[in-house]
Amino acid sequence: MIRFLFRTLGLLFLAAAFVSFVYDGTVSIAANAIMFTRLAELWTRVHAASLLRGQAIIEQRAPAWVWDAIALPILNAPSFLVFGVIGVILMLLGRPKKPLIGYSR
């Protein structure tokens, strides 16, 4: 059951990565330059208050270097890349078990 959930979430993240990639490609063609949407920009467009709340929580509960060294590089990465990596990881976690060869059940 949990593998199915991982595969489903992974597929949704990969679909979001594809949509983000197509959007960035369309914007790049229109601007005649390579453009990409950062994850922070996308998150701000969707729900800015949760981004600020998440920053406050991380700064309160985690060491000071976590926000600067881990969170900011992820937020400044292209959104299609972040969604794609998360999707691939979830798909790998949810892959079916390999059948055992030579064992009877």
PDB file of N, CA and C in Angstrom:
ATOM      1  N   MET A   1       0.824  -1.193   0.000  1.00  0.00           N
ATOM      2  CA  MET A   1       0.000   0.000   0.000  1.00  0.00           C
ATOM      3  C   MET A   1       0.873   1.263   0.000  1.00  0.00           C
ATOM      4  N   ILE A   2       1.923   1.258   0.803  1.00  0.00           N
ATOM      5  CA  ILE A   2       2.775   2.439   0.869  1.00  0.00           C
ATOM      6  C   ILE A   2       3.565   2.608  -0.427  1.00  0.00           C
ATOM      7  N   ARG A   3       3.910   1.494  -1.073  1.00  0.00           N
ATOM      8  CA  ARG A   3       4.608   1.582  -2.357  1.00  0.00           C
ATOM      9  C   ARG A   3       3.716   2.226  -3.413  1.00  0.00           C
ATOM     10  N   PHE A   4       2.443   1.886  -3.380  1.00  0.00           N
ATOM     11  CA  PHE A   4       1.497   2.490  -4.307  1.00  0.00           C
ATOM     12  C   PHE A   4       1.407   3.997  -4.071  1.00  0.00           C
ATOM     13  N   LEU A   5       1.392   4.402  -2.818  1.00  0.00           N
ATOM     14  CA  LEU A   5       1.337   5.821  -2.482  1.00  0.00           C
ATOM     15  C   LEU A   5       2.597   6.538  -2.968  1.00  0.00           C
ATOM     16  N   PHE A   6       3.765   5.940  -2.761  1.00  0.00           N
ATOM     17  CA  PHE A   6       5.015   6.530  -3.237  1.00  0.00           C
ATOM     18  C   PHE A   6       5.017   6.669  -4.758  1.00  0.00           C
ATOM     19  N   ARG A   7       4.555   5.619  -5.460  1.00  0.00           N
ATOM     20  CA  ARG A   7       4.524   5.668  -6.918  1.00  0.00           C
ATOM     21  C   ARG A   7       3.553   6.737  -7.404  1.00  0.00           C
ATOM     22  N   THR A   8       2.408   6.847  -6.756  1.00  0.00           N
ATOM     23  CA  THR A   8       1.416   7.844  -7.154  1.00  0.00           C
ATOM     24  C   THR A   8       1.948   9.260  -6.929  1.00  0.00           C
ATOM     25  N   LEU A   9       2.517   9.509  -5.758  1.00  0.00           N
ATOM     26  CA  LEU A   9       3.086  10.828  -5.484  1.00  0.00           C
ATOM     27  C   LEU A   9       4.252  11.126  -6.424  1.00  0.00           C
ATOM     28  N   GLY A  10       5.075  10.121  -6.697  1.00  0.00           N
ATOM     29  CA  GLY A  10       6.188  10.301  -7.622  1.00  0.00           C
ATOM     30  C   GLY A  10       5.709  10.664  -9.013  1.00  0.00           C
ATOM     31  N   LEU A  11       4.648  10.007  -9.461  1.00  0.00           N
ATOM     32  CA  LEU A  11       4.090  10.314 -10.770  1.00  0.00           C
ATOM     33  C   LEU A  11       3.526  11.732 -10.807  1.00  0.00           C
ATOM     34  N   LEU A  12       2.877  12.160  -9.727  1.00  0.00           N
ATOM     35  CA  LEU A  12       2.355  13.527  -9.665  1.00  0.00           C
ATOM     36  C   LEU A  12       3.486  14.558  -9.672  1.00  0.00           C
ATOM     37  N   PHE A  13       4.562  14.275  -8.950  1.00  0.00           N
ATOM     38  CA  PHE A  13       5.700  15.192  -8.961  1.00  0.00           C
ATOM     39  C   PHE A  13       6.365  15.232 -10.337  1.00  0.00           C
ATOM     40  N   LEU A  14       6.465  14.085 -11.006  1.00  0.00           N
ATOM     41  CA  LEU A  14       7.035  14.078 -12.350  1.00  0.00           C
ATOM     42  C   LEU A  14       6.142  14.826 -13.331  1.00  0.00           C
ATOM     43  N   ALA A  15       4.829  14.714 -13.155  1.00  0.00           N
ATOM     44  CA  ALA A  15       3.909  15.475 -14.002  1.00  0.00           C
ATOM     45  C   ALA A  15       4.059  16.973 -13.754  1.00  0.00           C
ATOM     46  N   ALA A  16       4.216  17.366 -12.491  1.00  0.00           N
ATOM     47  CA  ALA A  16       4.427  18.783 -12.171  1.00  0.00           C
ATOM     48  C   ALA A  16       5.748  19.269 -12.762  1.00  0.00           C
ATOM     49  N   ALA A  17       6.769  18.424 -12.744  1.00  0.00           N
ATOM     50  CA  ALA A  17       8.062  18.794 -13.341  1.00  0.00           C
ATOM     51  C   ALA A  17       7.911  19.002 -14.842  1.00  0.00           C
ATOM     52  N   PHE A  18       7.151  18.130 -15.489  1.00  0.00           N
ATOM     53  CA  PHE A  18       6.948  18.266 -16.937  1.00  0.00           C
ATOM     54  C   PHE A  18       6.178  19.543 -17.266  1.00  0.00           C
ATOM     55  N   VAL A  19       5.128  19.825 -16.508  1.00  0.00           N
ATOM     56  CA  VAL A  19       4.347  21.046 -16.731  1.00  0.00           C
ATOM     57  C   VAL A  19       5.223  22.281 -16.513  1.00  0.00           C
ATOM     58  N   SER A  20       6.027  22.266 -15.470  1.00  0.00           N
ATOM     59  CA  SER A  20       6.915  23.387 -15.193  1.00  0.00           C
ATOM     60  C   SER A  20       7.964  23.543 -16.297  1.00  0.00           C
ATOM     61  N   PHE A  21       8.463  22.427 -16.811  1.00  0.00           N
ATOM     62  CA  PHE A  21       9.451  22.458 -17.887  1.00  0.00           C
ATOM     63  C   PHE A  21       8.847  23.039 -19.163  1.00  0.00           C
ATOM     64  N   VAL A  22       7.621  22.643 -19.484  1.00  0.00           N
ATOM     65  CA  VAL A  22       6.955  23.170 -20.670  1.00  0.00           C
ATOM     66  C   VAL A  22       6.666  24.662 -20.496  1.00  0.00           C
ATOM     67  N   TYR A  23       6.234  25.060 -19.307  1.00  0.00           N
ATOM     68  CA  TYR A  23       5.985  26.482 -19.043  1.00  0.00           C
ATOM     69  C   TYR A  23       7.272  27.292 -19.197  1.00  0.00           C
ATOM     70  N   ASP A  24       8.359  26.805 -18.615  1.00  0.00           N
ATOM     71  CA  ASP A  24       9.637  27.509 -18.734  1.00  0.00           C
ATOM     72  C   ASP A  24      10.106  27.568 -20.188  1.00  0.00           C
ATOM     73  N   GLY A  25       9.871  26.503 -20.936  1.00  0.00           N
ATOM     74  CA  GLY A  25      10.228  26.502 -22.351  1.00  0.00           C
ATOM     75  C   GLY A  25       9.427  27.514 -23.144  1.00  0.00           C
ATOM     76  N   THR A  26       8.148  27.622 -22.837  1.00  0.00           N
ATOM     77  CA  THR A  26       7.302  28.596 -23.521  1.00  0.00           C
ATOM     78  C   THR A  26       7.743  30.022 -23.202  1.00  0.00           C
ATOM     79  N   VAL A  27       8.030  30.276 -21.938  1.00  0.00           N
ATOM     80  CA  VAL A  27       8.503  31.606 -21.543  1.00  0.00           C
ATOM     81  C   VAL A  27       9.857  31.902 -22.191  1.00  0.00           C
ATOM     82  N   SER A  28      10.708  30.915 -22.290  1.00  0.00           N
ATOM     83  CA  SER A  28      12.021  31.105 -22.914  1.00  0.00           C
ATOM     84  C   SER A  28      11.891  31.431 -24.399  1.00  0.00           C
ATOM     85  N   ILE A  29      10.964  30.753 -25.072  1.00  0.00           N
ATOM     86  CA  ILE A  29      10.759  31.028 -26.493  1.00  0.00           C
ATOM     87  C   ILE A  29      10.216  32.445 -26.673  1.00  0.00           C
ATOM     88  N   ALA A  30       9.270  32.843 -25.814  1.00  0.00           N
ATOM     89  CA  ALA A  30       8.682  34.180 -25.928  1.00  0.00           C
ATOM     90  C   ALA A  30       9.703  35.271 -25.612  1.00  0.00           C
ATOM     91  N   ALA A  31      10.596  35.019 -24.673  1.00  0.00           N
ATOM     92  CA  ALA A  31      11.583  36.027 -24.283  1.00  0.00           C
ATOM     93  C   ALA A  31      12.846  35.980 -25.141  1.00  0.00           C
ATOM     94  N   ASN A  32      12.965  34.942 -25.965  1.00  0.00           N
ATOM     95  CA  ASN A  32      14.141  34.748 -26.807  1.00  0.00           C
ATOM     96  C   ASN A  32      15.418  34.654 -25.977  1.00  0.00           C
ATOM     97  N   ALA A  33      15.290  34.073 -24.781  1.00  0.00           N
ATOM     98  CA  ALA A  33      16.422  33.834 -23.885  1.00  0.00           C
ATOM     99  C   ALA A  33      16.035  32.678 -22.969  1.00  0.00           C
ATOM    100  N   ILE A  34      17.038  32.048 -22.402  1.00  0.00           N
ATOM    101  CA  ILE A  34      16.754  30.930 -21.495  1.00  0.00           C
ATOM    102  C   ILE A  34      16.268  31.484 -20.163  1.00  0.00           C
ATOM    103  N   MET A  35      15.055  31.118 -19.804  1.00  0.00           N
ATOM    104  CA  MET A  35      14.433  31.570 -18.565  1.00  0.00           C
ATOM    105  C   MET A  35      13.927  30.336 -17.818  1.00  0.00           C
ATOM    106  N   PHE A  36      13.971  30.377 -16.505  1.00  0.00           N
ATOM    107  CA  PHE A  36      13.370  29.308 -15.726  1.00  0.00           C
ATOM    108  C   PHE A  36      12.752  29.892 -14.469  1.00  0.00           C
ATOM    109  N   THR A  37      11.744  29.198 -13.972  1.00  0.00           N
ATOM    110  CA  THR A  37      11.043  29.637 -12.774  1.00  0.00           C
ATOM    111  C   THR A  37      11.697  28.988 -11.567  1.00  0.00           C
ATOM    112  N   ARG A  38      12.158  29.826 -10.633  1.00  0.00           N
ATOM    113  CA  ARG A  38      12.734  29.284  -9.412  1.00  0.00           C
ATOM    114  C   ARG A  38      11.609  28.748  -8.526  1.00  0.00           C
ATOM    115  N   LEU A  39      11.934  27.804  -7.684  1.00  0.00           N
ATOM    116  CA  LEU A  39      10.934  27.218  -6.797  1.00  0.00           C
ATOM    117  C   LEU A  39      10.362  28.271  -5.857  1.00  0.00           C
ATOM    118  N   ALA A  40      11.180  29.204  -5.393  1.00  0.00           N
ATOM    119  CA  ALA A  40      10.697  30.255  -4.499  1.00  0.00           C
ATOM    120  C   ALA A  40       9.670  31.146  -5.197  1.00  0.00           C
ATOM    121  N   GLU A  41       9.895  31.450  -6.480  1.00  0.00           N
ATOM    122  CA  GLU A  41       8.932  32.255  -7.232  1.00  0.00           C
ATOM    123  C   GLU A  41       7.604  31.531  -7.366  1.00  0.00           C
ATOM    124  N   LEU A  42       7.673  30.258  -7.701  1.00  0.00           N
ATOM    125  CA  LEU A  42       6.456  29.463  -7.849  1.00  0.00           C
ATOM    126  C   LEU A  42       5.713  29.352  -6.530  1.00  0.00           C
ATOM    127  N   TRP A  43       6.437  29.105  -5.463  1.00  0.00           N
ATOM    128  CA  TRP A  43       5.827  28.976  -4.147  1.00  0.00           C
ATOM    129  C   TRP A  43       5.187  30.300  -3.715  1.00  0.00           C
ATOM    130  N   THR A  44       5.848  31.408  -4.032  1.00  0.00           N
ATOM    131  CA  THR A  44       5.297  32.716  -3.696  1.00  0.00           C
ATOM    132  C   THR A  44       4.008  32.984  -4.469  1.00  0.00           C
ATOM    133  N   ARG A  45       3.967  32.579  -5.728  1.00  0.00           N
ATOM    134  CA  ARG A  45       2.748  32.752  -6.518  1.00  0.00           C
ATOM    135  C   ARG A  45       1.600  31.920  -5.965  1.00  0.00           C
ATOM    136  N   VAL A  46       1.901  30.719  -5.504  1.00  0.00           N
ATOM    137  CA  VAL A  46       0.842  29.831  -5.030  1.00  0.00           C
ATOM    138  C   VAL A  46       0.374  30.231  -3.635  1.00  0.00           C
ATOM    139  N   HIS A  47       1.317  30.381  -2.686  1.00  0.00           N
ATOM    140  CA  HIS A  47       0.931  30.718  -1.312  1.00  0.00           C
ATOM    141  C   HIS A  47       2.135  31.315  -0.589  1.00  0.00           C
ATOM    142  N   ALA A  48       2.248  32.624  -0.618  1.00  0.00           N
ATOM    143  CA  ALA A  48       3.414  33.313  -0.067  1.00  0.00           C
ATOM    144  C   ALA A  48       3.499  33.198   1.451  1.00  0.00           C
ATOM    145  N   ALA A  49       2.358  33.173   2.124  1.00  0.00           N
ATOM    146  CA  ALA A  49       2.372  33.130   3.591  1.00  0.00           C
ATOM    147  C   ALA A  49       2.999  31.842   4.108  1.00  0.00           C
ATOM    148  N   SER A  50       2.780  30.736   3.420  1.00  0.00           N
ATOM    149  CA  SER A  50       3.353  29.474   3.894  1.00  0.00           C
ATOM    150  C   SER A  50       4.869  29.446   3.724  1.00  0.00           C
ATOM    151  N   LEU A  51       5.373  30.117   2.704  1.00  0.00           N
ATOM    152  CA  LEU A  51       6.829  30.202   2.536  1.00  0.00           C
ATOM    153  C   LEU A  51       7.457  30.984   3.684  1.00  0.00           C
ATOM    154  N   LEU A  52       6.853  32.087   4.048  1.00  0.00           N
ATOM    155  CA  LEU A  52       7.373  32.880   5.165  1.00  0.00           C
ATOM    156  C   LEU A  52       7.239  32.124   6.484  1.00  0.00           C
ATOM    157  N   ARG A  53       6.133  31.410   6.650  1.00  0.00           N
ATOM    158  CA  ARG A  53       5.940  30.618   7.861  1.00  0.00           C
ATOM    159  C   ARG A  53       6.958  29.482   7.940  1.00  0.00           C
ATOM    160  N   GLY A  54       7.215  28.843   6.802  1.00  0.00           N
ATOM    161  CA  GLY A  54       8.221  27.787   6.774  1.00  0.00           C
ATOM    162  C   GLY A  54       9.612  28.299   7.095  1.00  0.00           C
ATOM    163  N   GLN A  55       9.936  29.483   6.591  1.00  0.00           N
ATOM    164  CA  GLN A  55      11.234  30.085   6.908  1.00  0.00           C
ATOM    165  C   GLN A  55      11.350  30.358   8.403  1.00  0.00           C
ATOM    166  N   ALA A  56      10.286  30.888   9.006  1.00  0.00           N
ATOM    167  CA  ALA A  56      10.316  31.175  10.435  1.00  0.00           C
ATOM    168  C   ALA A  56      10.468  29.897  11.257  1.00  0.00           C
ATOM    169  N   ILE A  57       9.782  28.838  10.858  1.00  0.00           N
ATOM    170  CA  ILE A  57       9.875  27.566  11.584  1.00  0.00           C
ATOM    171  C   ILE A  57      11.281  26.998  11.482  1.00  0.00           C
ATOM    172  N   ILE A  58      11.852  27.030  10.283  1.00  0.00           N
ATOM    173  CA  ILE A  58      13.208  26.488  10.110  1.00  0.00           C
ATOM    174  C   ILE A  58      14.216  27.304  10.911  1.00  0.00           C
ATOM    175  N   GLU A  59      14.083  28.615  10.900  1.00  0.00           N
ATOM    176  CA  GLU A  59      15.031  29.443  11.635  1.00  0.00           C
ATOM    177  C   GLU A  59      14.892  29.289  13.147  1.00  0.00           C
ATOM    178  N   GLN A  60      13.697  28.978  13.641  1.00  0.00           N
ATOM    179  CA  GLN A  60      13.504  28.804  15.081  1.00  0.00           C
ATOM    180  C   GLN A  60      13.970  27.439  15.570  1.00  0.00           C
ATOM    181  N   ARG A  61      13.647  26.390  14.829  1.00  0.00           N
ATOM    182  CA  ARG A  61      13.858  25.026  15.325  1.00  0.00           C
ATOM    183  C   ARG A  61      15.131  24.356  14.844  1.00  0.00           C
ATOM    184  N   ALA A  62      15.747  24.868  13.816  1.00  0.00           N
ATOM    185  CA  ALA A  62      16.951  24.243  13.270  1.00  0.00           C
ATOM    186  C   ALA A  62      18.144  25.170  13.486  1.00  0.00           C
ATOM    187  N   PRO A  63      19.342  24.622  13.341  1.00  0.00           N
ATOM    188  CA  PRO A  63      20.526  25.496  13.434  1.00  0.00           C
ATOM    189  C   PRO A  63      20.489  26.582  12.357  1.00  0.00           C
ATOM    190  N   ALA A  64      21.215  27.644  12.586  1.00  0.00           N
ATOM    191  CA  ALA A  64      21.165  28.815  11.700  1.00  0.00           C
ATOM    192  C   ALA A  64      21.645  28.490  10.285  1.00  0.00           C
ATOM    193  N   TRP A  65      22.568  27.567  10.139  1.00  0.00           N
ATOM    194  CA  TRP A  65      23.120  27.273   8.827  1.00  0.00           C
ATOM    195  C   TRP A  65      22.163  26.488   7.941  1.00  0.00           C
ATOM    196  N   VAL A  66      21.113  25.899   8.488  1.00  0.00           N
ATOM    197  CA  VAL A  66      20.203  25.068   7.690  1.00  0.00           C
ATOM    198  C   VAL A  66      19.489  25.908   6.634  1.00  0.00           C
ATOM    199  N   TRP A  67      19.012  27.082   7.017  1.00  0.00           N
ATOM    200  CA  TRP A  67      18.286  27.915   6.048  1.00  0.00           C
ATOM    201  C   TRP A  67      19.222  28.383   4.930  1.00  0.00           C
ATOM    202  N   ASP A  68      20.425  28.839   5.294  1.00  0.00           N
ATOM    203  CA  ASP A  68      21.340  29.369   4.284  1.00  0.00           C
ATOM    204  C   ASP A  68      21.982  28.278   3.437  1.00  0.00           C
ATOM    205  N   ALA A  69      22.345  27.161   4.038  1.00  0.00           N
ATOM    206  CA  ALA A  69      23.106  26.141   3.320  1.00  0.00           C
ATOM    207  C   ALA A  69      22.227  25.118   2.602  1.00  0.00           C
ATOM    208  N   ILE A  70      21.014  24.877   3.092  1.00  0.00           N
ATOM    209  CA  ILE A  70      20.184  23.827   2.501  1.00  0.00           C
ATOM    210  C   ILE A  70      18.933  24.394   1.834  1.00  0.00           C
ATOM    211  N   ALA A  71      18.188  25.217   2.562  1.00  0.00           N
ATOM    212  CA  ALA A  71      16.891  25.670   2.055  1.00  0.00           C
ATOM    213  C   ALA A  71      17.023  26.662   0.897  1.00  0.00           C
ATOM    214  N   LEU A  72      17.894  27.629   1.010  1.00  0.00           N
ATOM    215  CA  LEU A  72      18.021  28.637  -0.049  1.00  0.00           C
ATOM    216  C   LEU A  72      18.495  28.069  -1.384  1.00  0.00           C
ATOM    217  N   PRO A  73      19.490  27.174  -1.420  1.00  0.00           N
ATOM    218  CA  PRO A  73      19.842  26.597  -2.723  1.00  0.00           C
ATOM    219  C   PRO A  73      18.696  25.792  -3.355  1.00  0.00           C
ATOM    220  N   ILE A  74      17.912  25.117  -2.531  1.00  0.00           N
ATOM    221  CA  ILE A  74      16.768  24.378  -3.078  1.00  0.00           C
ATOM    222  C   ILE A  74      15.717  25.350  -3.599  1.00  0.00           C
ATOM    223  N   LEU A  75      15.455  26.413  -2.863  1.00  0.00           N
ATOM    224  CA  LEU A  75      14.458  27.393  -3.297  1.00  0.00           C
ATOM    225  C   LEU A  75      14.913  28.179  -4.523  1.00  0.00           C
ATOM    226  N   ASN A  76      16.212  28.322  -4.733  1.00  0.00           N
ATOM    227  CA  ASN A  76      16.714  29.040  -5.897  1.00  0.00           C
ATOM    228  C   ASN A  76      16.921  28.143  -7.110  1.00  0.00           C
ATOM    229  N   ALA A  77      16.704  26.848  -6.976  1.00  0.00           N
ATOM    230  CA  ALA A  77      16.842  25.916  -8.085  1.00  0.00           C
ATOM    231  C   ALA A  77      15.610  26.008  -8.996  1.00  0.00           C
ATOM    232  N   PRO A  78      15.759  25.612 -10.257  1.00  0.00           N
ATOM    233  CA  PRO A  78      14.588  25.593 -11.146  1.00  0.00           C
ATOM    234  C   PRO A  78      13.522  24.638 -10.605  1.00  0.00           C
ATOM    235  N   SER A  79      12.283  25.051 -10.726  1.00  0.00           N
ATOM    236  CA  SER A  79      11.195  24.255 -10.159  1.00  0.00           C
ATOM    237  C   SER A  79      11.079  22.889 -10.835  1.00  0.00           C
ATOM    238  N   PHE A  80      11.309  22.806 -12.154  1.00  0.00           N
ATOM    239  CA  PHE A  80      11.207  21.515 -12.819  1.00  0.00           C
ATOM    240  C   PHE A  80      12.277  20.547 -12.323  1.00  0.00           C
ATOM    241  N   LEU A  81      13.431  21.064 -11.959  1.00  0.00           N
ATOM    242  CA  LEU A  81      14.498  20.205 -11.457  1.00  0.00           C
ATOM    243  C   LEU A  81      14.162  19.656 -10.071  1.00  0.00           C
ATOM    244  N   VAL A  82      13.654  20.509  -9.201  1.00  0.00           N
ATOM    245  CA  VAL A  82      13.301  20.071  -7.845  1.00  0.00           C
ATOM    246  C   VAL A  82      12.168  19.052  -7.891  1.00  0.00           C
ATOM    247  N   PHE A  83      11.114  19.362  -8.665  1.00  0.00           N
ATOM    248  CA  PHE A  83       9.998  18.430  -8.777  1.00  0.00           C
ATOM    249  C   PHE A  83      10.445  17.111  -9.401  1.00  0.00           C
ATOM    250  N   GLY A  84      11.315  17.184 -10.397  1.00  0.00           N
ATOM    251  CA  GLY A  84      11.794  15.970 -11.051  1.00  0.00           C
ATOM    252  C   GLY A  84      12.612  15.085 -10.122  1.00  0.00           C
ATOM    253  N   VAL A  85      13.487  15.685  -9.342  1.00  0.00           N
ATOM    254  CA  VAL A  85      14.313  14.897  -8.409  1.00  0.00           C
ATOM    255  C   VAL A  85      13.441  14.244  -7.337  1.00  0.00           C
ATOM    256  N   ILE A  86      12.497  15.004  -6.793  1.00  0.00           N
ATOM    257  CA  ILE A  86      11.593  14.430  -5.789  1.00  0.00           C
ATOM    258  C   ILE A  86      10.770  13.312  -6.402  1.00  0.00           C
ATOM    259  N   GLY A  87      10.286  13.506  -7.621  1.00  0.00           N
ATOM    260  CA  GLY A  87       9.497  12.478  -8.293  1.00  0.00           C
ATOM    261  C   GLY A  87      10.285  11.206  -8.545  1.00  0.00           C
ATOM    262  N   VAL A  88      11.523  11.344  -8.993  1.00  0.00           N
ATOM    263  CA  VAL A  88      12.358  10.164  -9.247  1.00  0.00           C
ATOM    264  C   VAL A  88      12.652   9.419  -7.948  1.00  0.00           C
ATOM    265  N   ILE A  89      12.944  10.151  -6.884  1.00  0.00           N
ATOM    266  CA  ILE A  89      13.214   9.497  -5.597  1.00  0.00           C
ATOM    267  C   ILE A  89      11.985   8.731  -5.118  1.00  0.00           C
ATOM    268  N   LEU A  90      10.809   9.348  -5.225  1.00  0.00           N
ATOM    269  CA  LEU A  90       9.589   8.660  -4.794  1.00  0.00           C
ATOM    270  C   LEU A  90       9.292   7.449  -5.672  1.00  0.00           C
ATOM    271  N   MET A  91       9.541   7.554  -6.970  1.00  0.00           N
ATOM    272  CA  MET A  91       9.322   6.400  -7.851  1.00  0.00           C
ATOM    273  C   MET A  91      10.287   5.261  -7.511  1.00  0.00           C
ATOM    274  N   LEU A  92      11.524   5.593  -7.182  1.00  0.00           N
ATOM    275  CA  LEU A  92      12.478   4.548  -6.799  1.00  0.00           C
ATOM    276  C   LEU A  92      12.102   3.896  -5.473  1.00  0.00           C
ATOM    277  N   LEU A  93      11.594   4.699  -4.529  1.00  0.00           N
ATOM    278  CA  LEU A  93      11.159   4.132  -3.250  1.00  0.00           C
ATOM    279  C   LEU A  93       9.927   3.246  -3.406  1.00  0.00           C
ATOM    280  N   GLY A  94       9.105   3.538  -4.399  1.00  0.00           N
ATOM    281  CA  GLY A  94       7.869   2.788  -4.576  1.00  0.00           C
ATOM    282  C   GLY A  94       7.934   1.684  -5.599  1.00  0.00           C
ATOM    283  N   ARG A  95       9.103   1.395  -6.126  1.00  0.00           N
ATOM    284  CA  ARG A  95       9.172   0.345  -7.147  1.00  0.00           C
ATOM    285  C   ARG A  95       8.864  -1.014  -6.534  1.00  0.00           C
ATOM    286  N   PRO A  96       8.290  -1.896  -7.334  1.00  0.00           N
ATOM    287  CA  PRO A  96       7.944  -3.222  -6.802  1.00  0.00           C
ATOM    288  C   PRO A  96       9.185  -4.038  -6.462  1.00  0.00           C
ATOM    289  N   LYS A  97       9.008  -4.966  -5.542  1.00  0.00           N
ATOM    290  CA  LYS A  97      10.121  -5.838  -5.157  1.00  0.00           C
ATOM    291  C   LYS A  97      10.487  -6.744  -6.318  1.00  0.00           C
ATOM    292  N   LYS A  98      11.762  -7.051  -6.419  1.00  0.00           N
ATOM    293  CA  LYS A  98      12.201  -7.992  -7.441  1.00  0.00           C
ATOM    294  C   LYS A  98      11.783  -9.391  -7.011  1.00  0.00           C
ATOM    295  N   PRO A  99      11.319 -10.197  -7.959  1.00  0.00           N
ATOM    296  CA  PRO A  99      10.922 -11.558  -7.585  1.00  0.00           C
ATOM    297  C   PRO A  99      12.139 -12.394  -7.208  1.00  0.00           C
ATOM    298  N   LEU A 100      11.976 -13.200  -6.201  1.00  0.00           N
ATOM    299  CA  LEU A 100      13.053 -14.079  -5.777  1.00  0.00           C
ATOM    300  C   LEU A 100      13.119 -15.267  -6.748  1.00  0.00           C
ATOM    301  N   ILE A 101      14.309 -15.536  -7.258  1.00  0.00           N
ATOM    302  CA  ILE A 101      14.480 -16.630  -8.208  1.00  0.00           C
ATOM    303  C   ILE A 101      15.045 -17.827  -7.439  1.00  0.00           C
ATOM    304  N   GLY A 102      14.405 -18.958  -7.584  1.00  0.00           N
ATOM    305  CA  GLY A 102      14.886 -20.154  -6.953  1.00  0.00           C
ATOM    306  C   GLY A 102      14.295 -20.425  -5.583  1.00  0.00           C
ATOM    307  N   TYR A 103      13.430 -19.585  -5.121  1.00  0.00           N
ATOM    308  CA  TYR A 103      12.781 -19.797  -3.826  1.00  0.00           C
ATOM    309  C   TYR A 103      11.313 -20.052  -4.059  1.00  0.00           C
ATOM    310  N   SER A 104      10.768 -20.976  -3.310  1.00  0.00           N
ATOM    311  CA  SER A 104       9.331 -21.231  -3.428  1.00  0.00           C
ATOM    312  C   SER A 104       8.637 -20.599  -2.229  1.00  0.00           C
ATOM    313  N   ARG A 105       7.465 -20.166  -2.454  1.00  0.00           N
ATOM    314  CA  ARG A 105       6.711 -19.535  -1.375  1.00  0.00           C
ATOM    315  C   ARG A 105       5.480 -20.321  -1.071  1.00  0.00           C
TER     316      ARG A 105
END
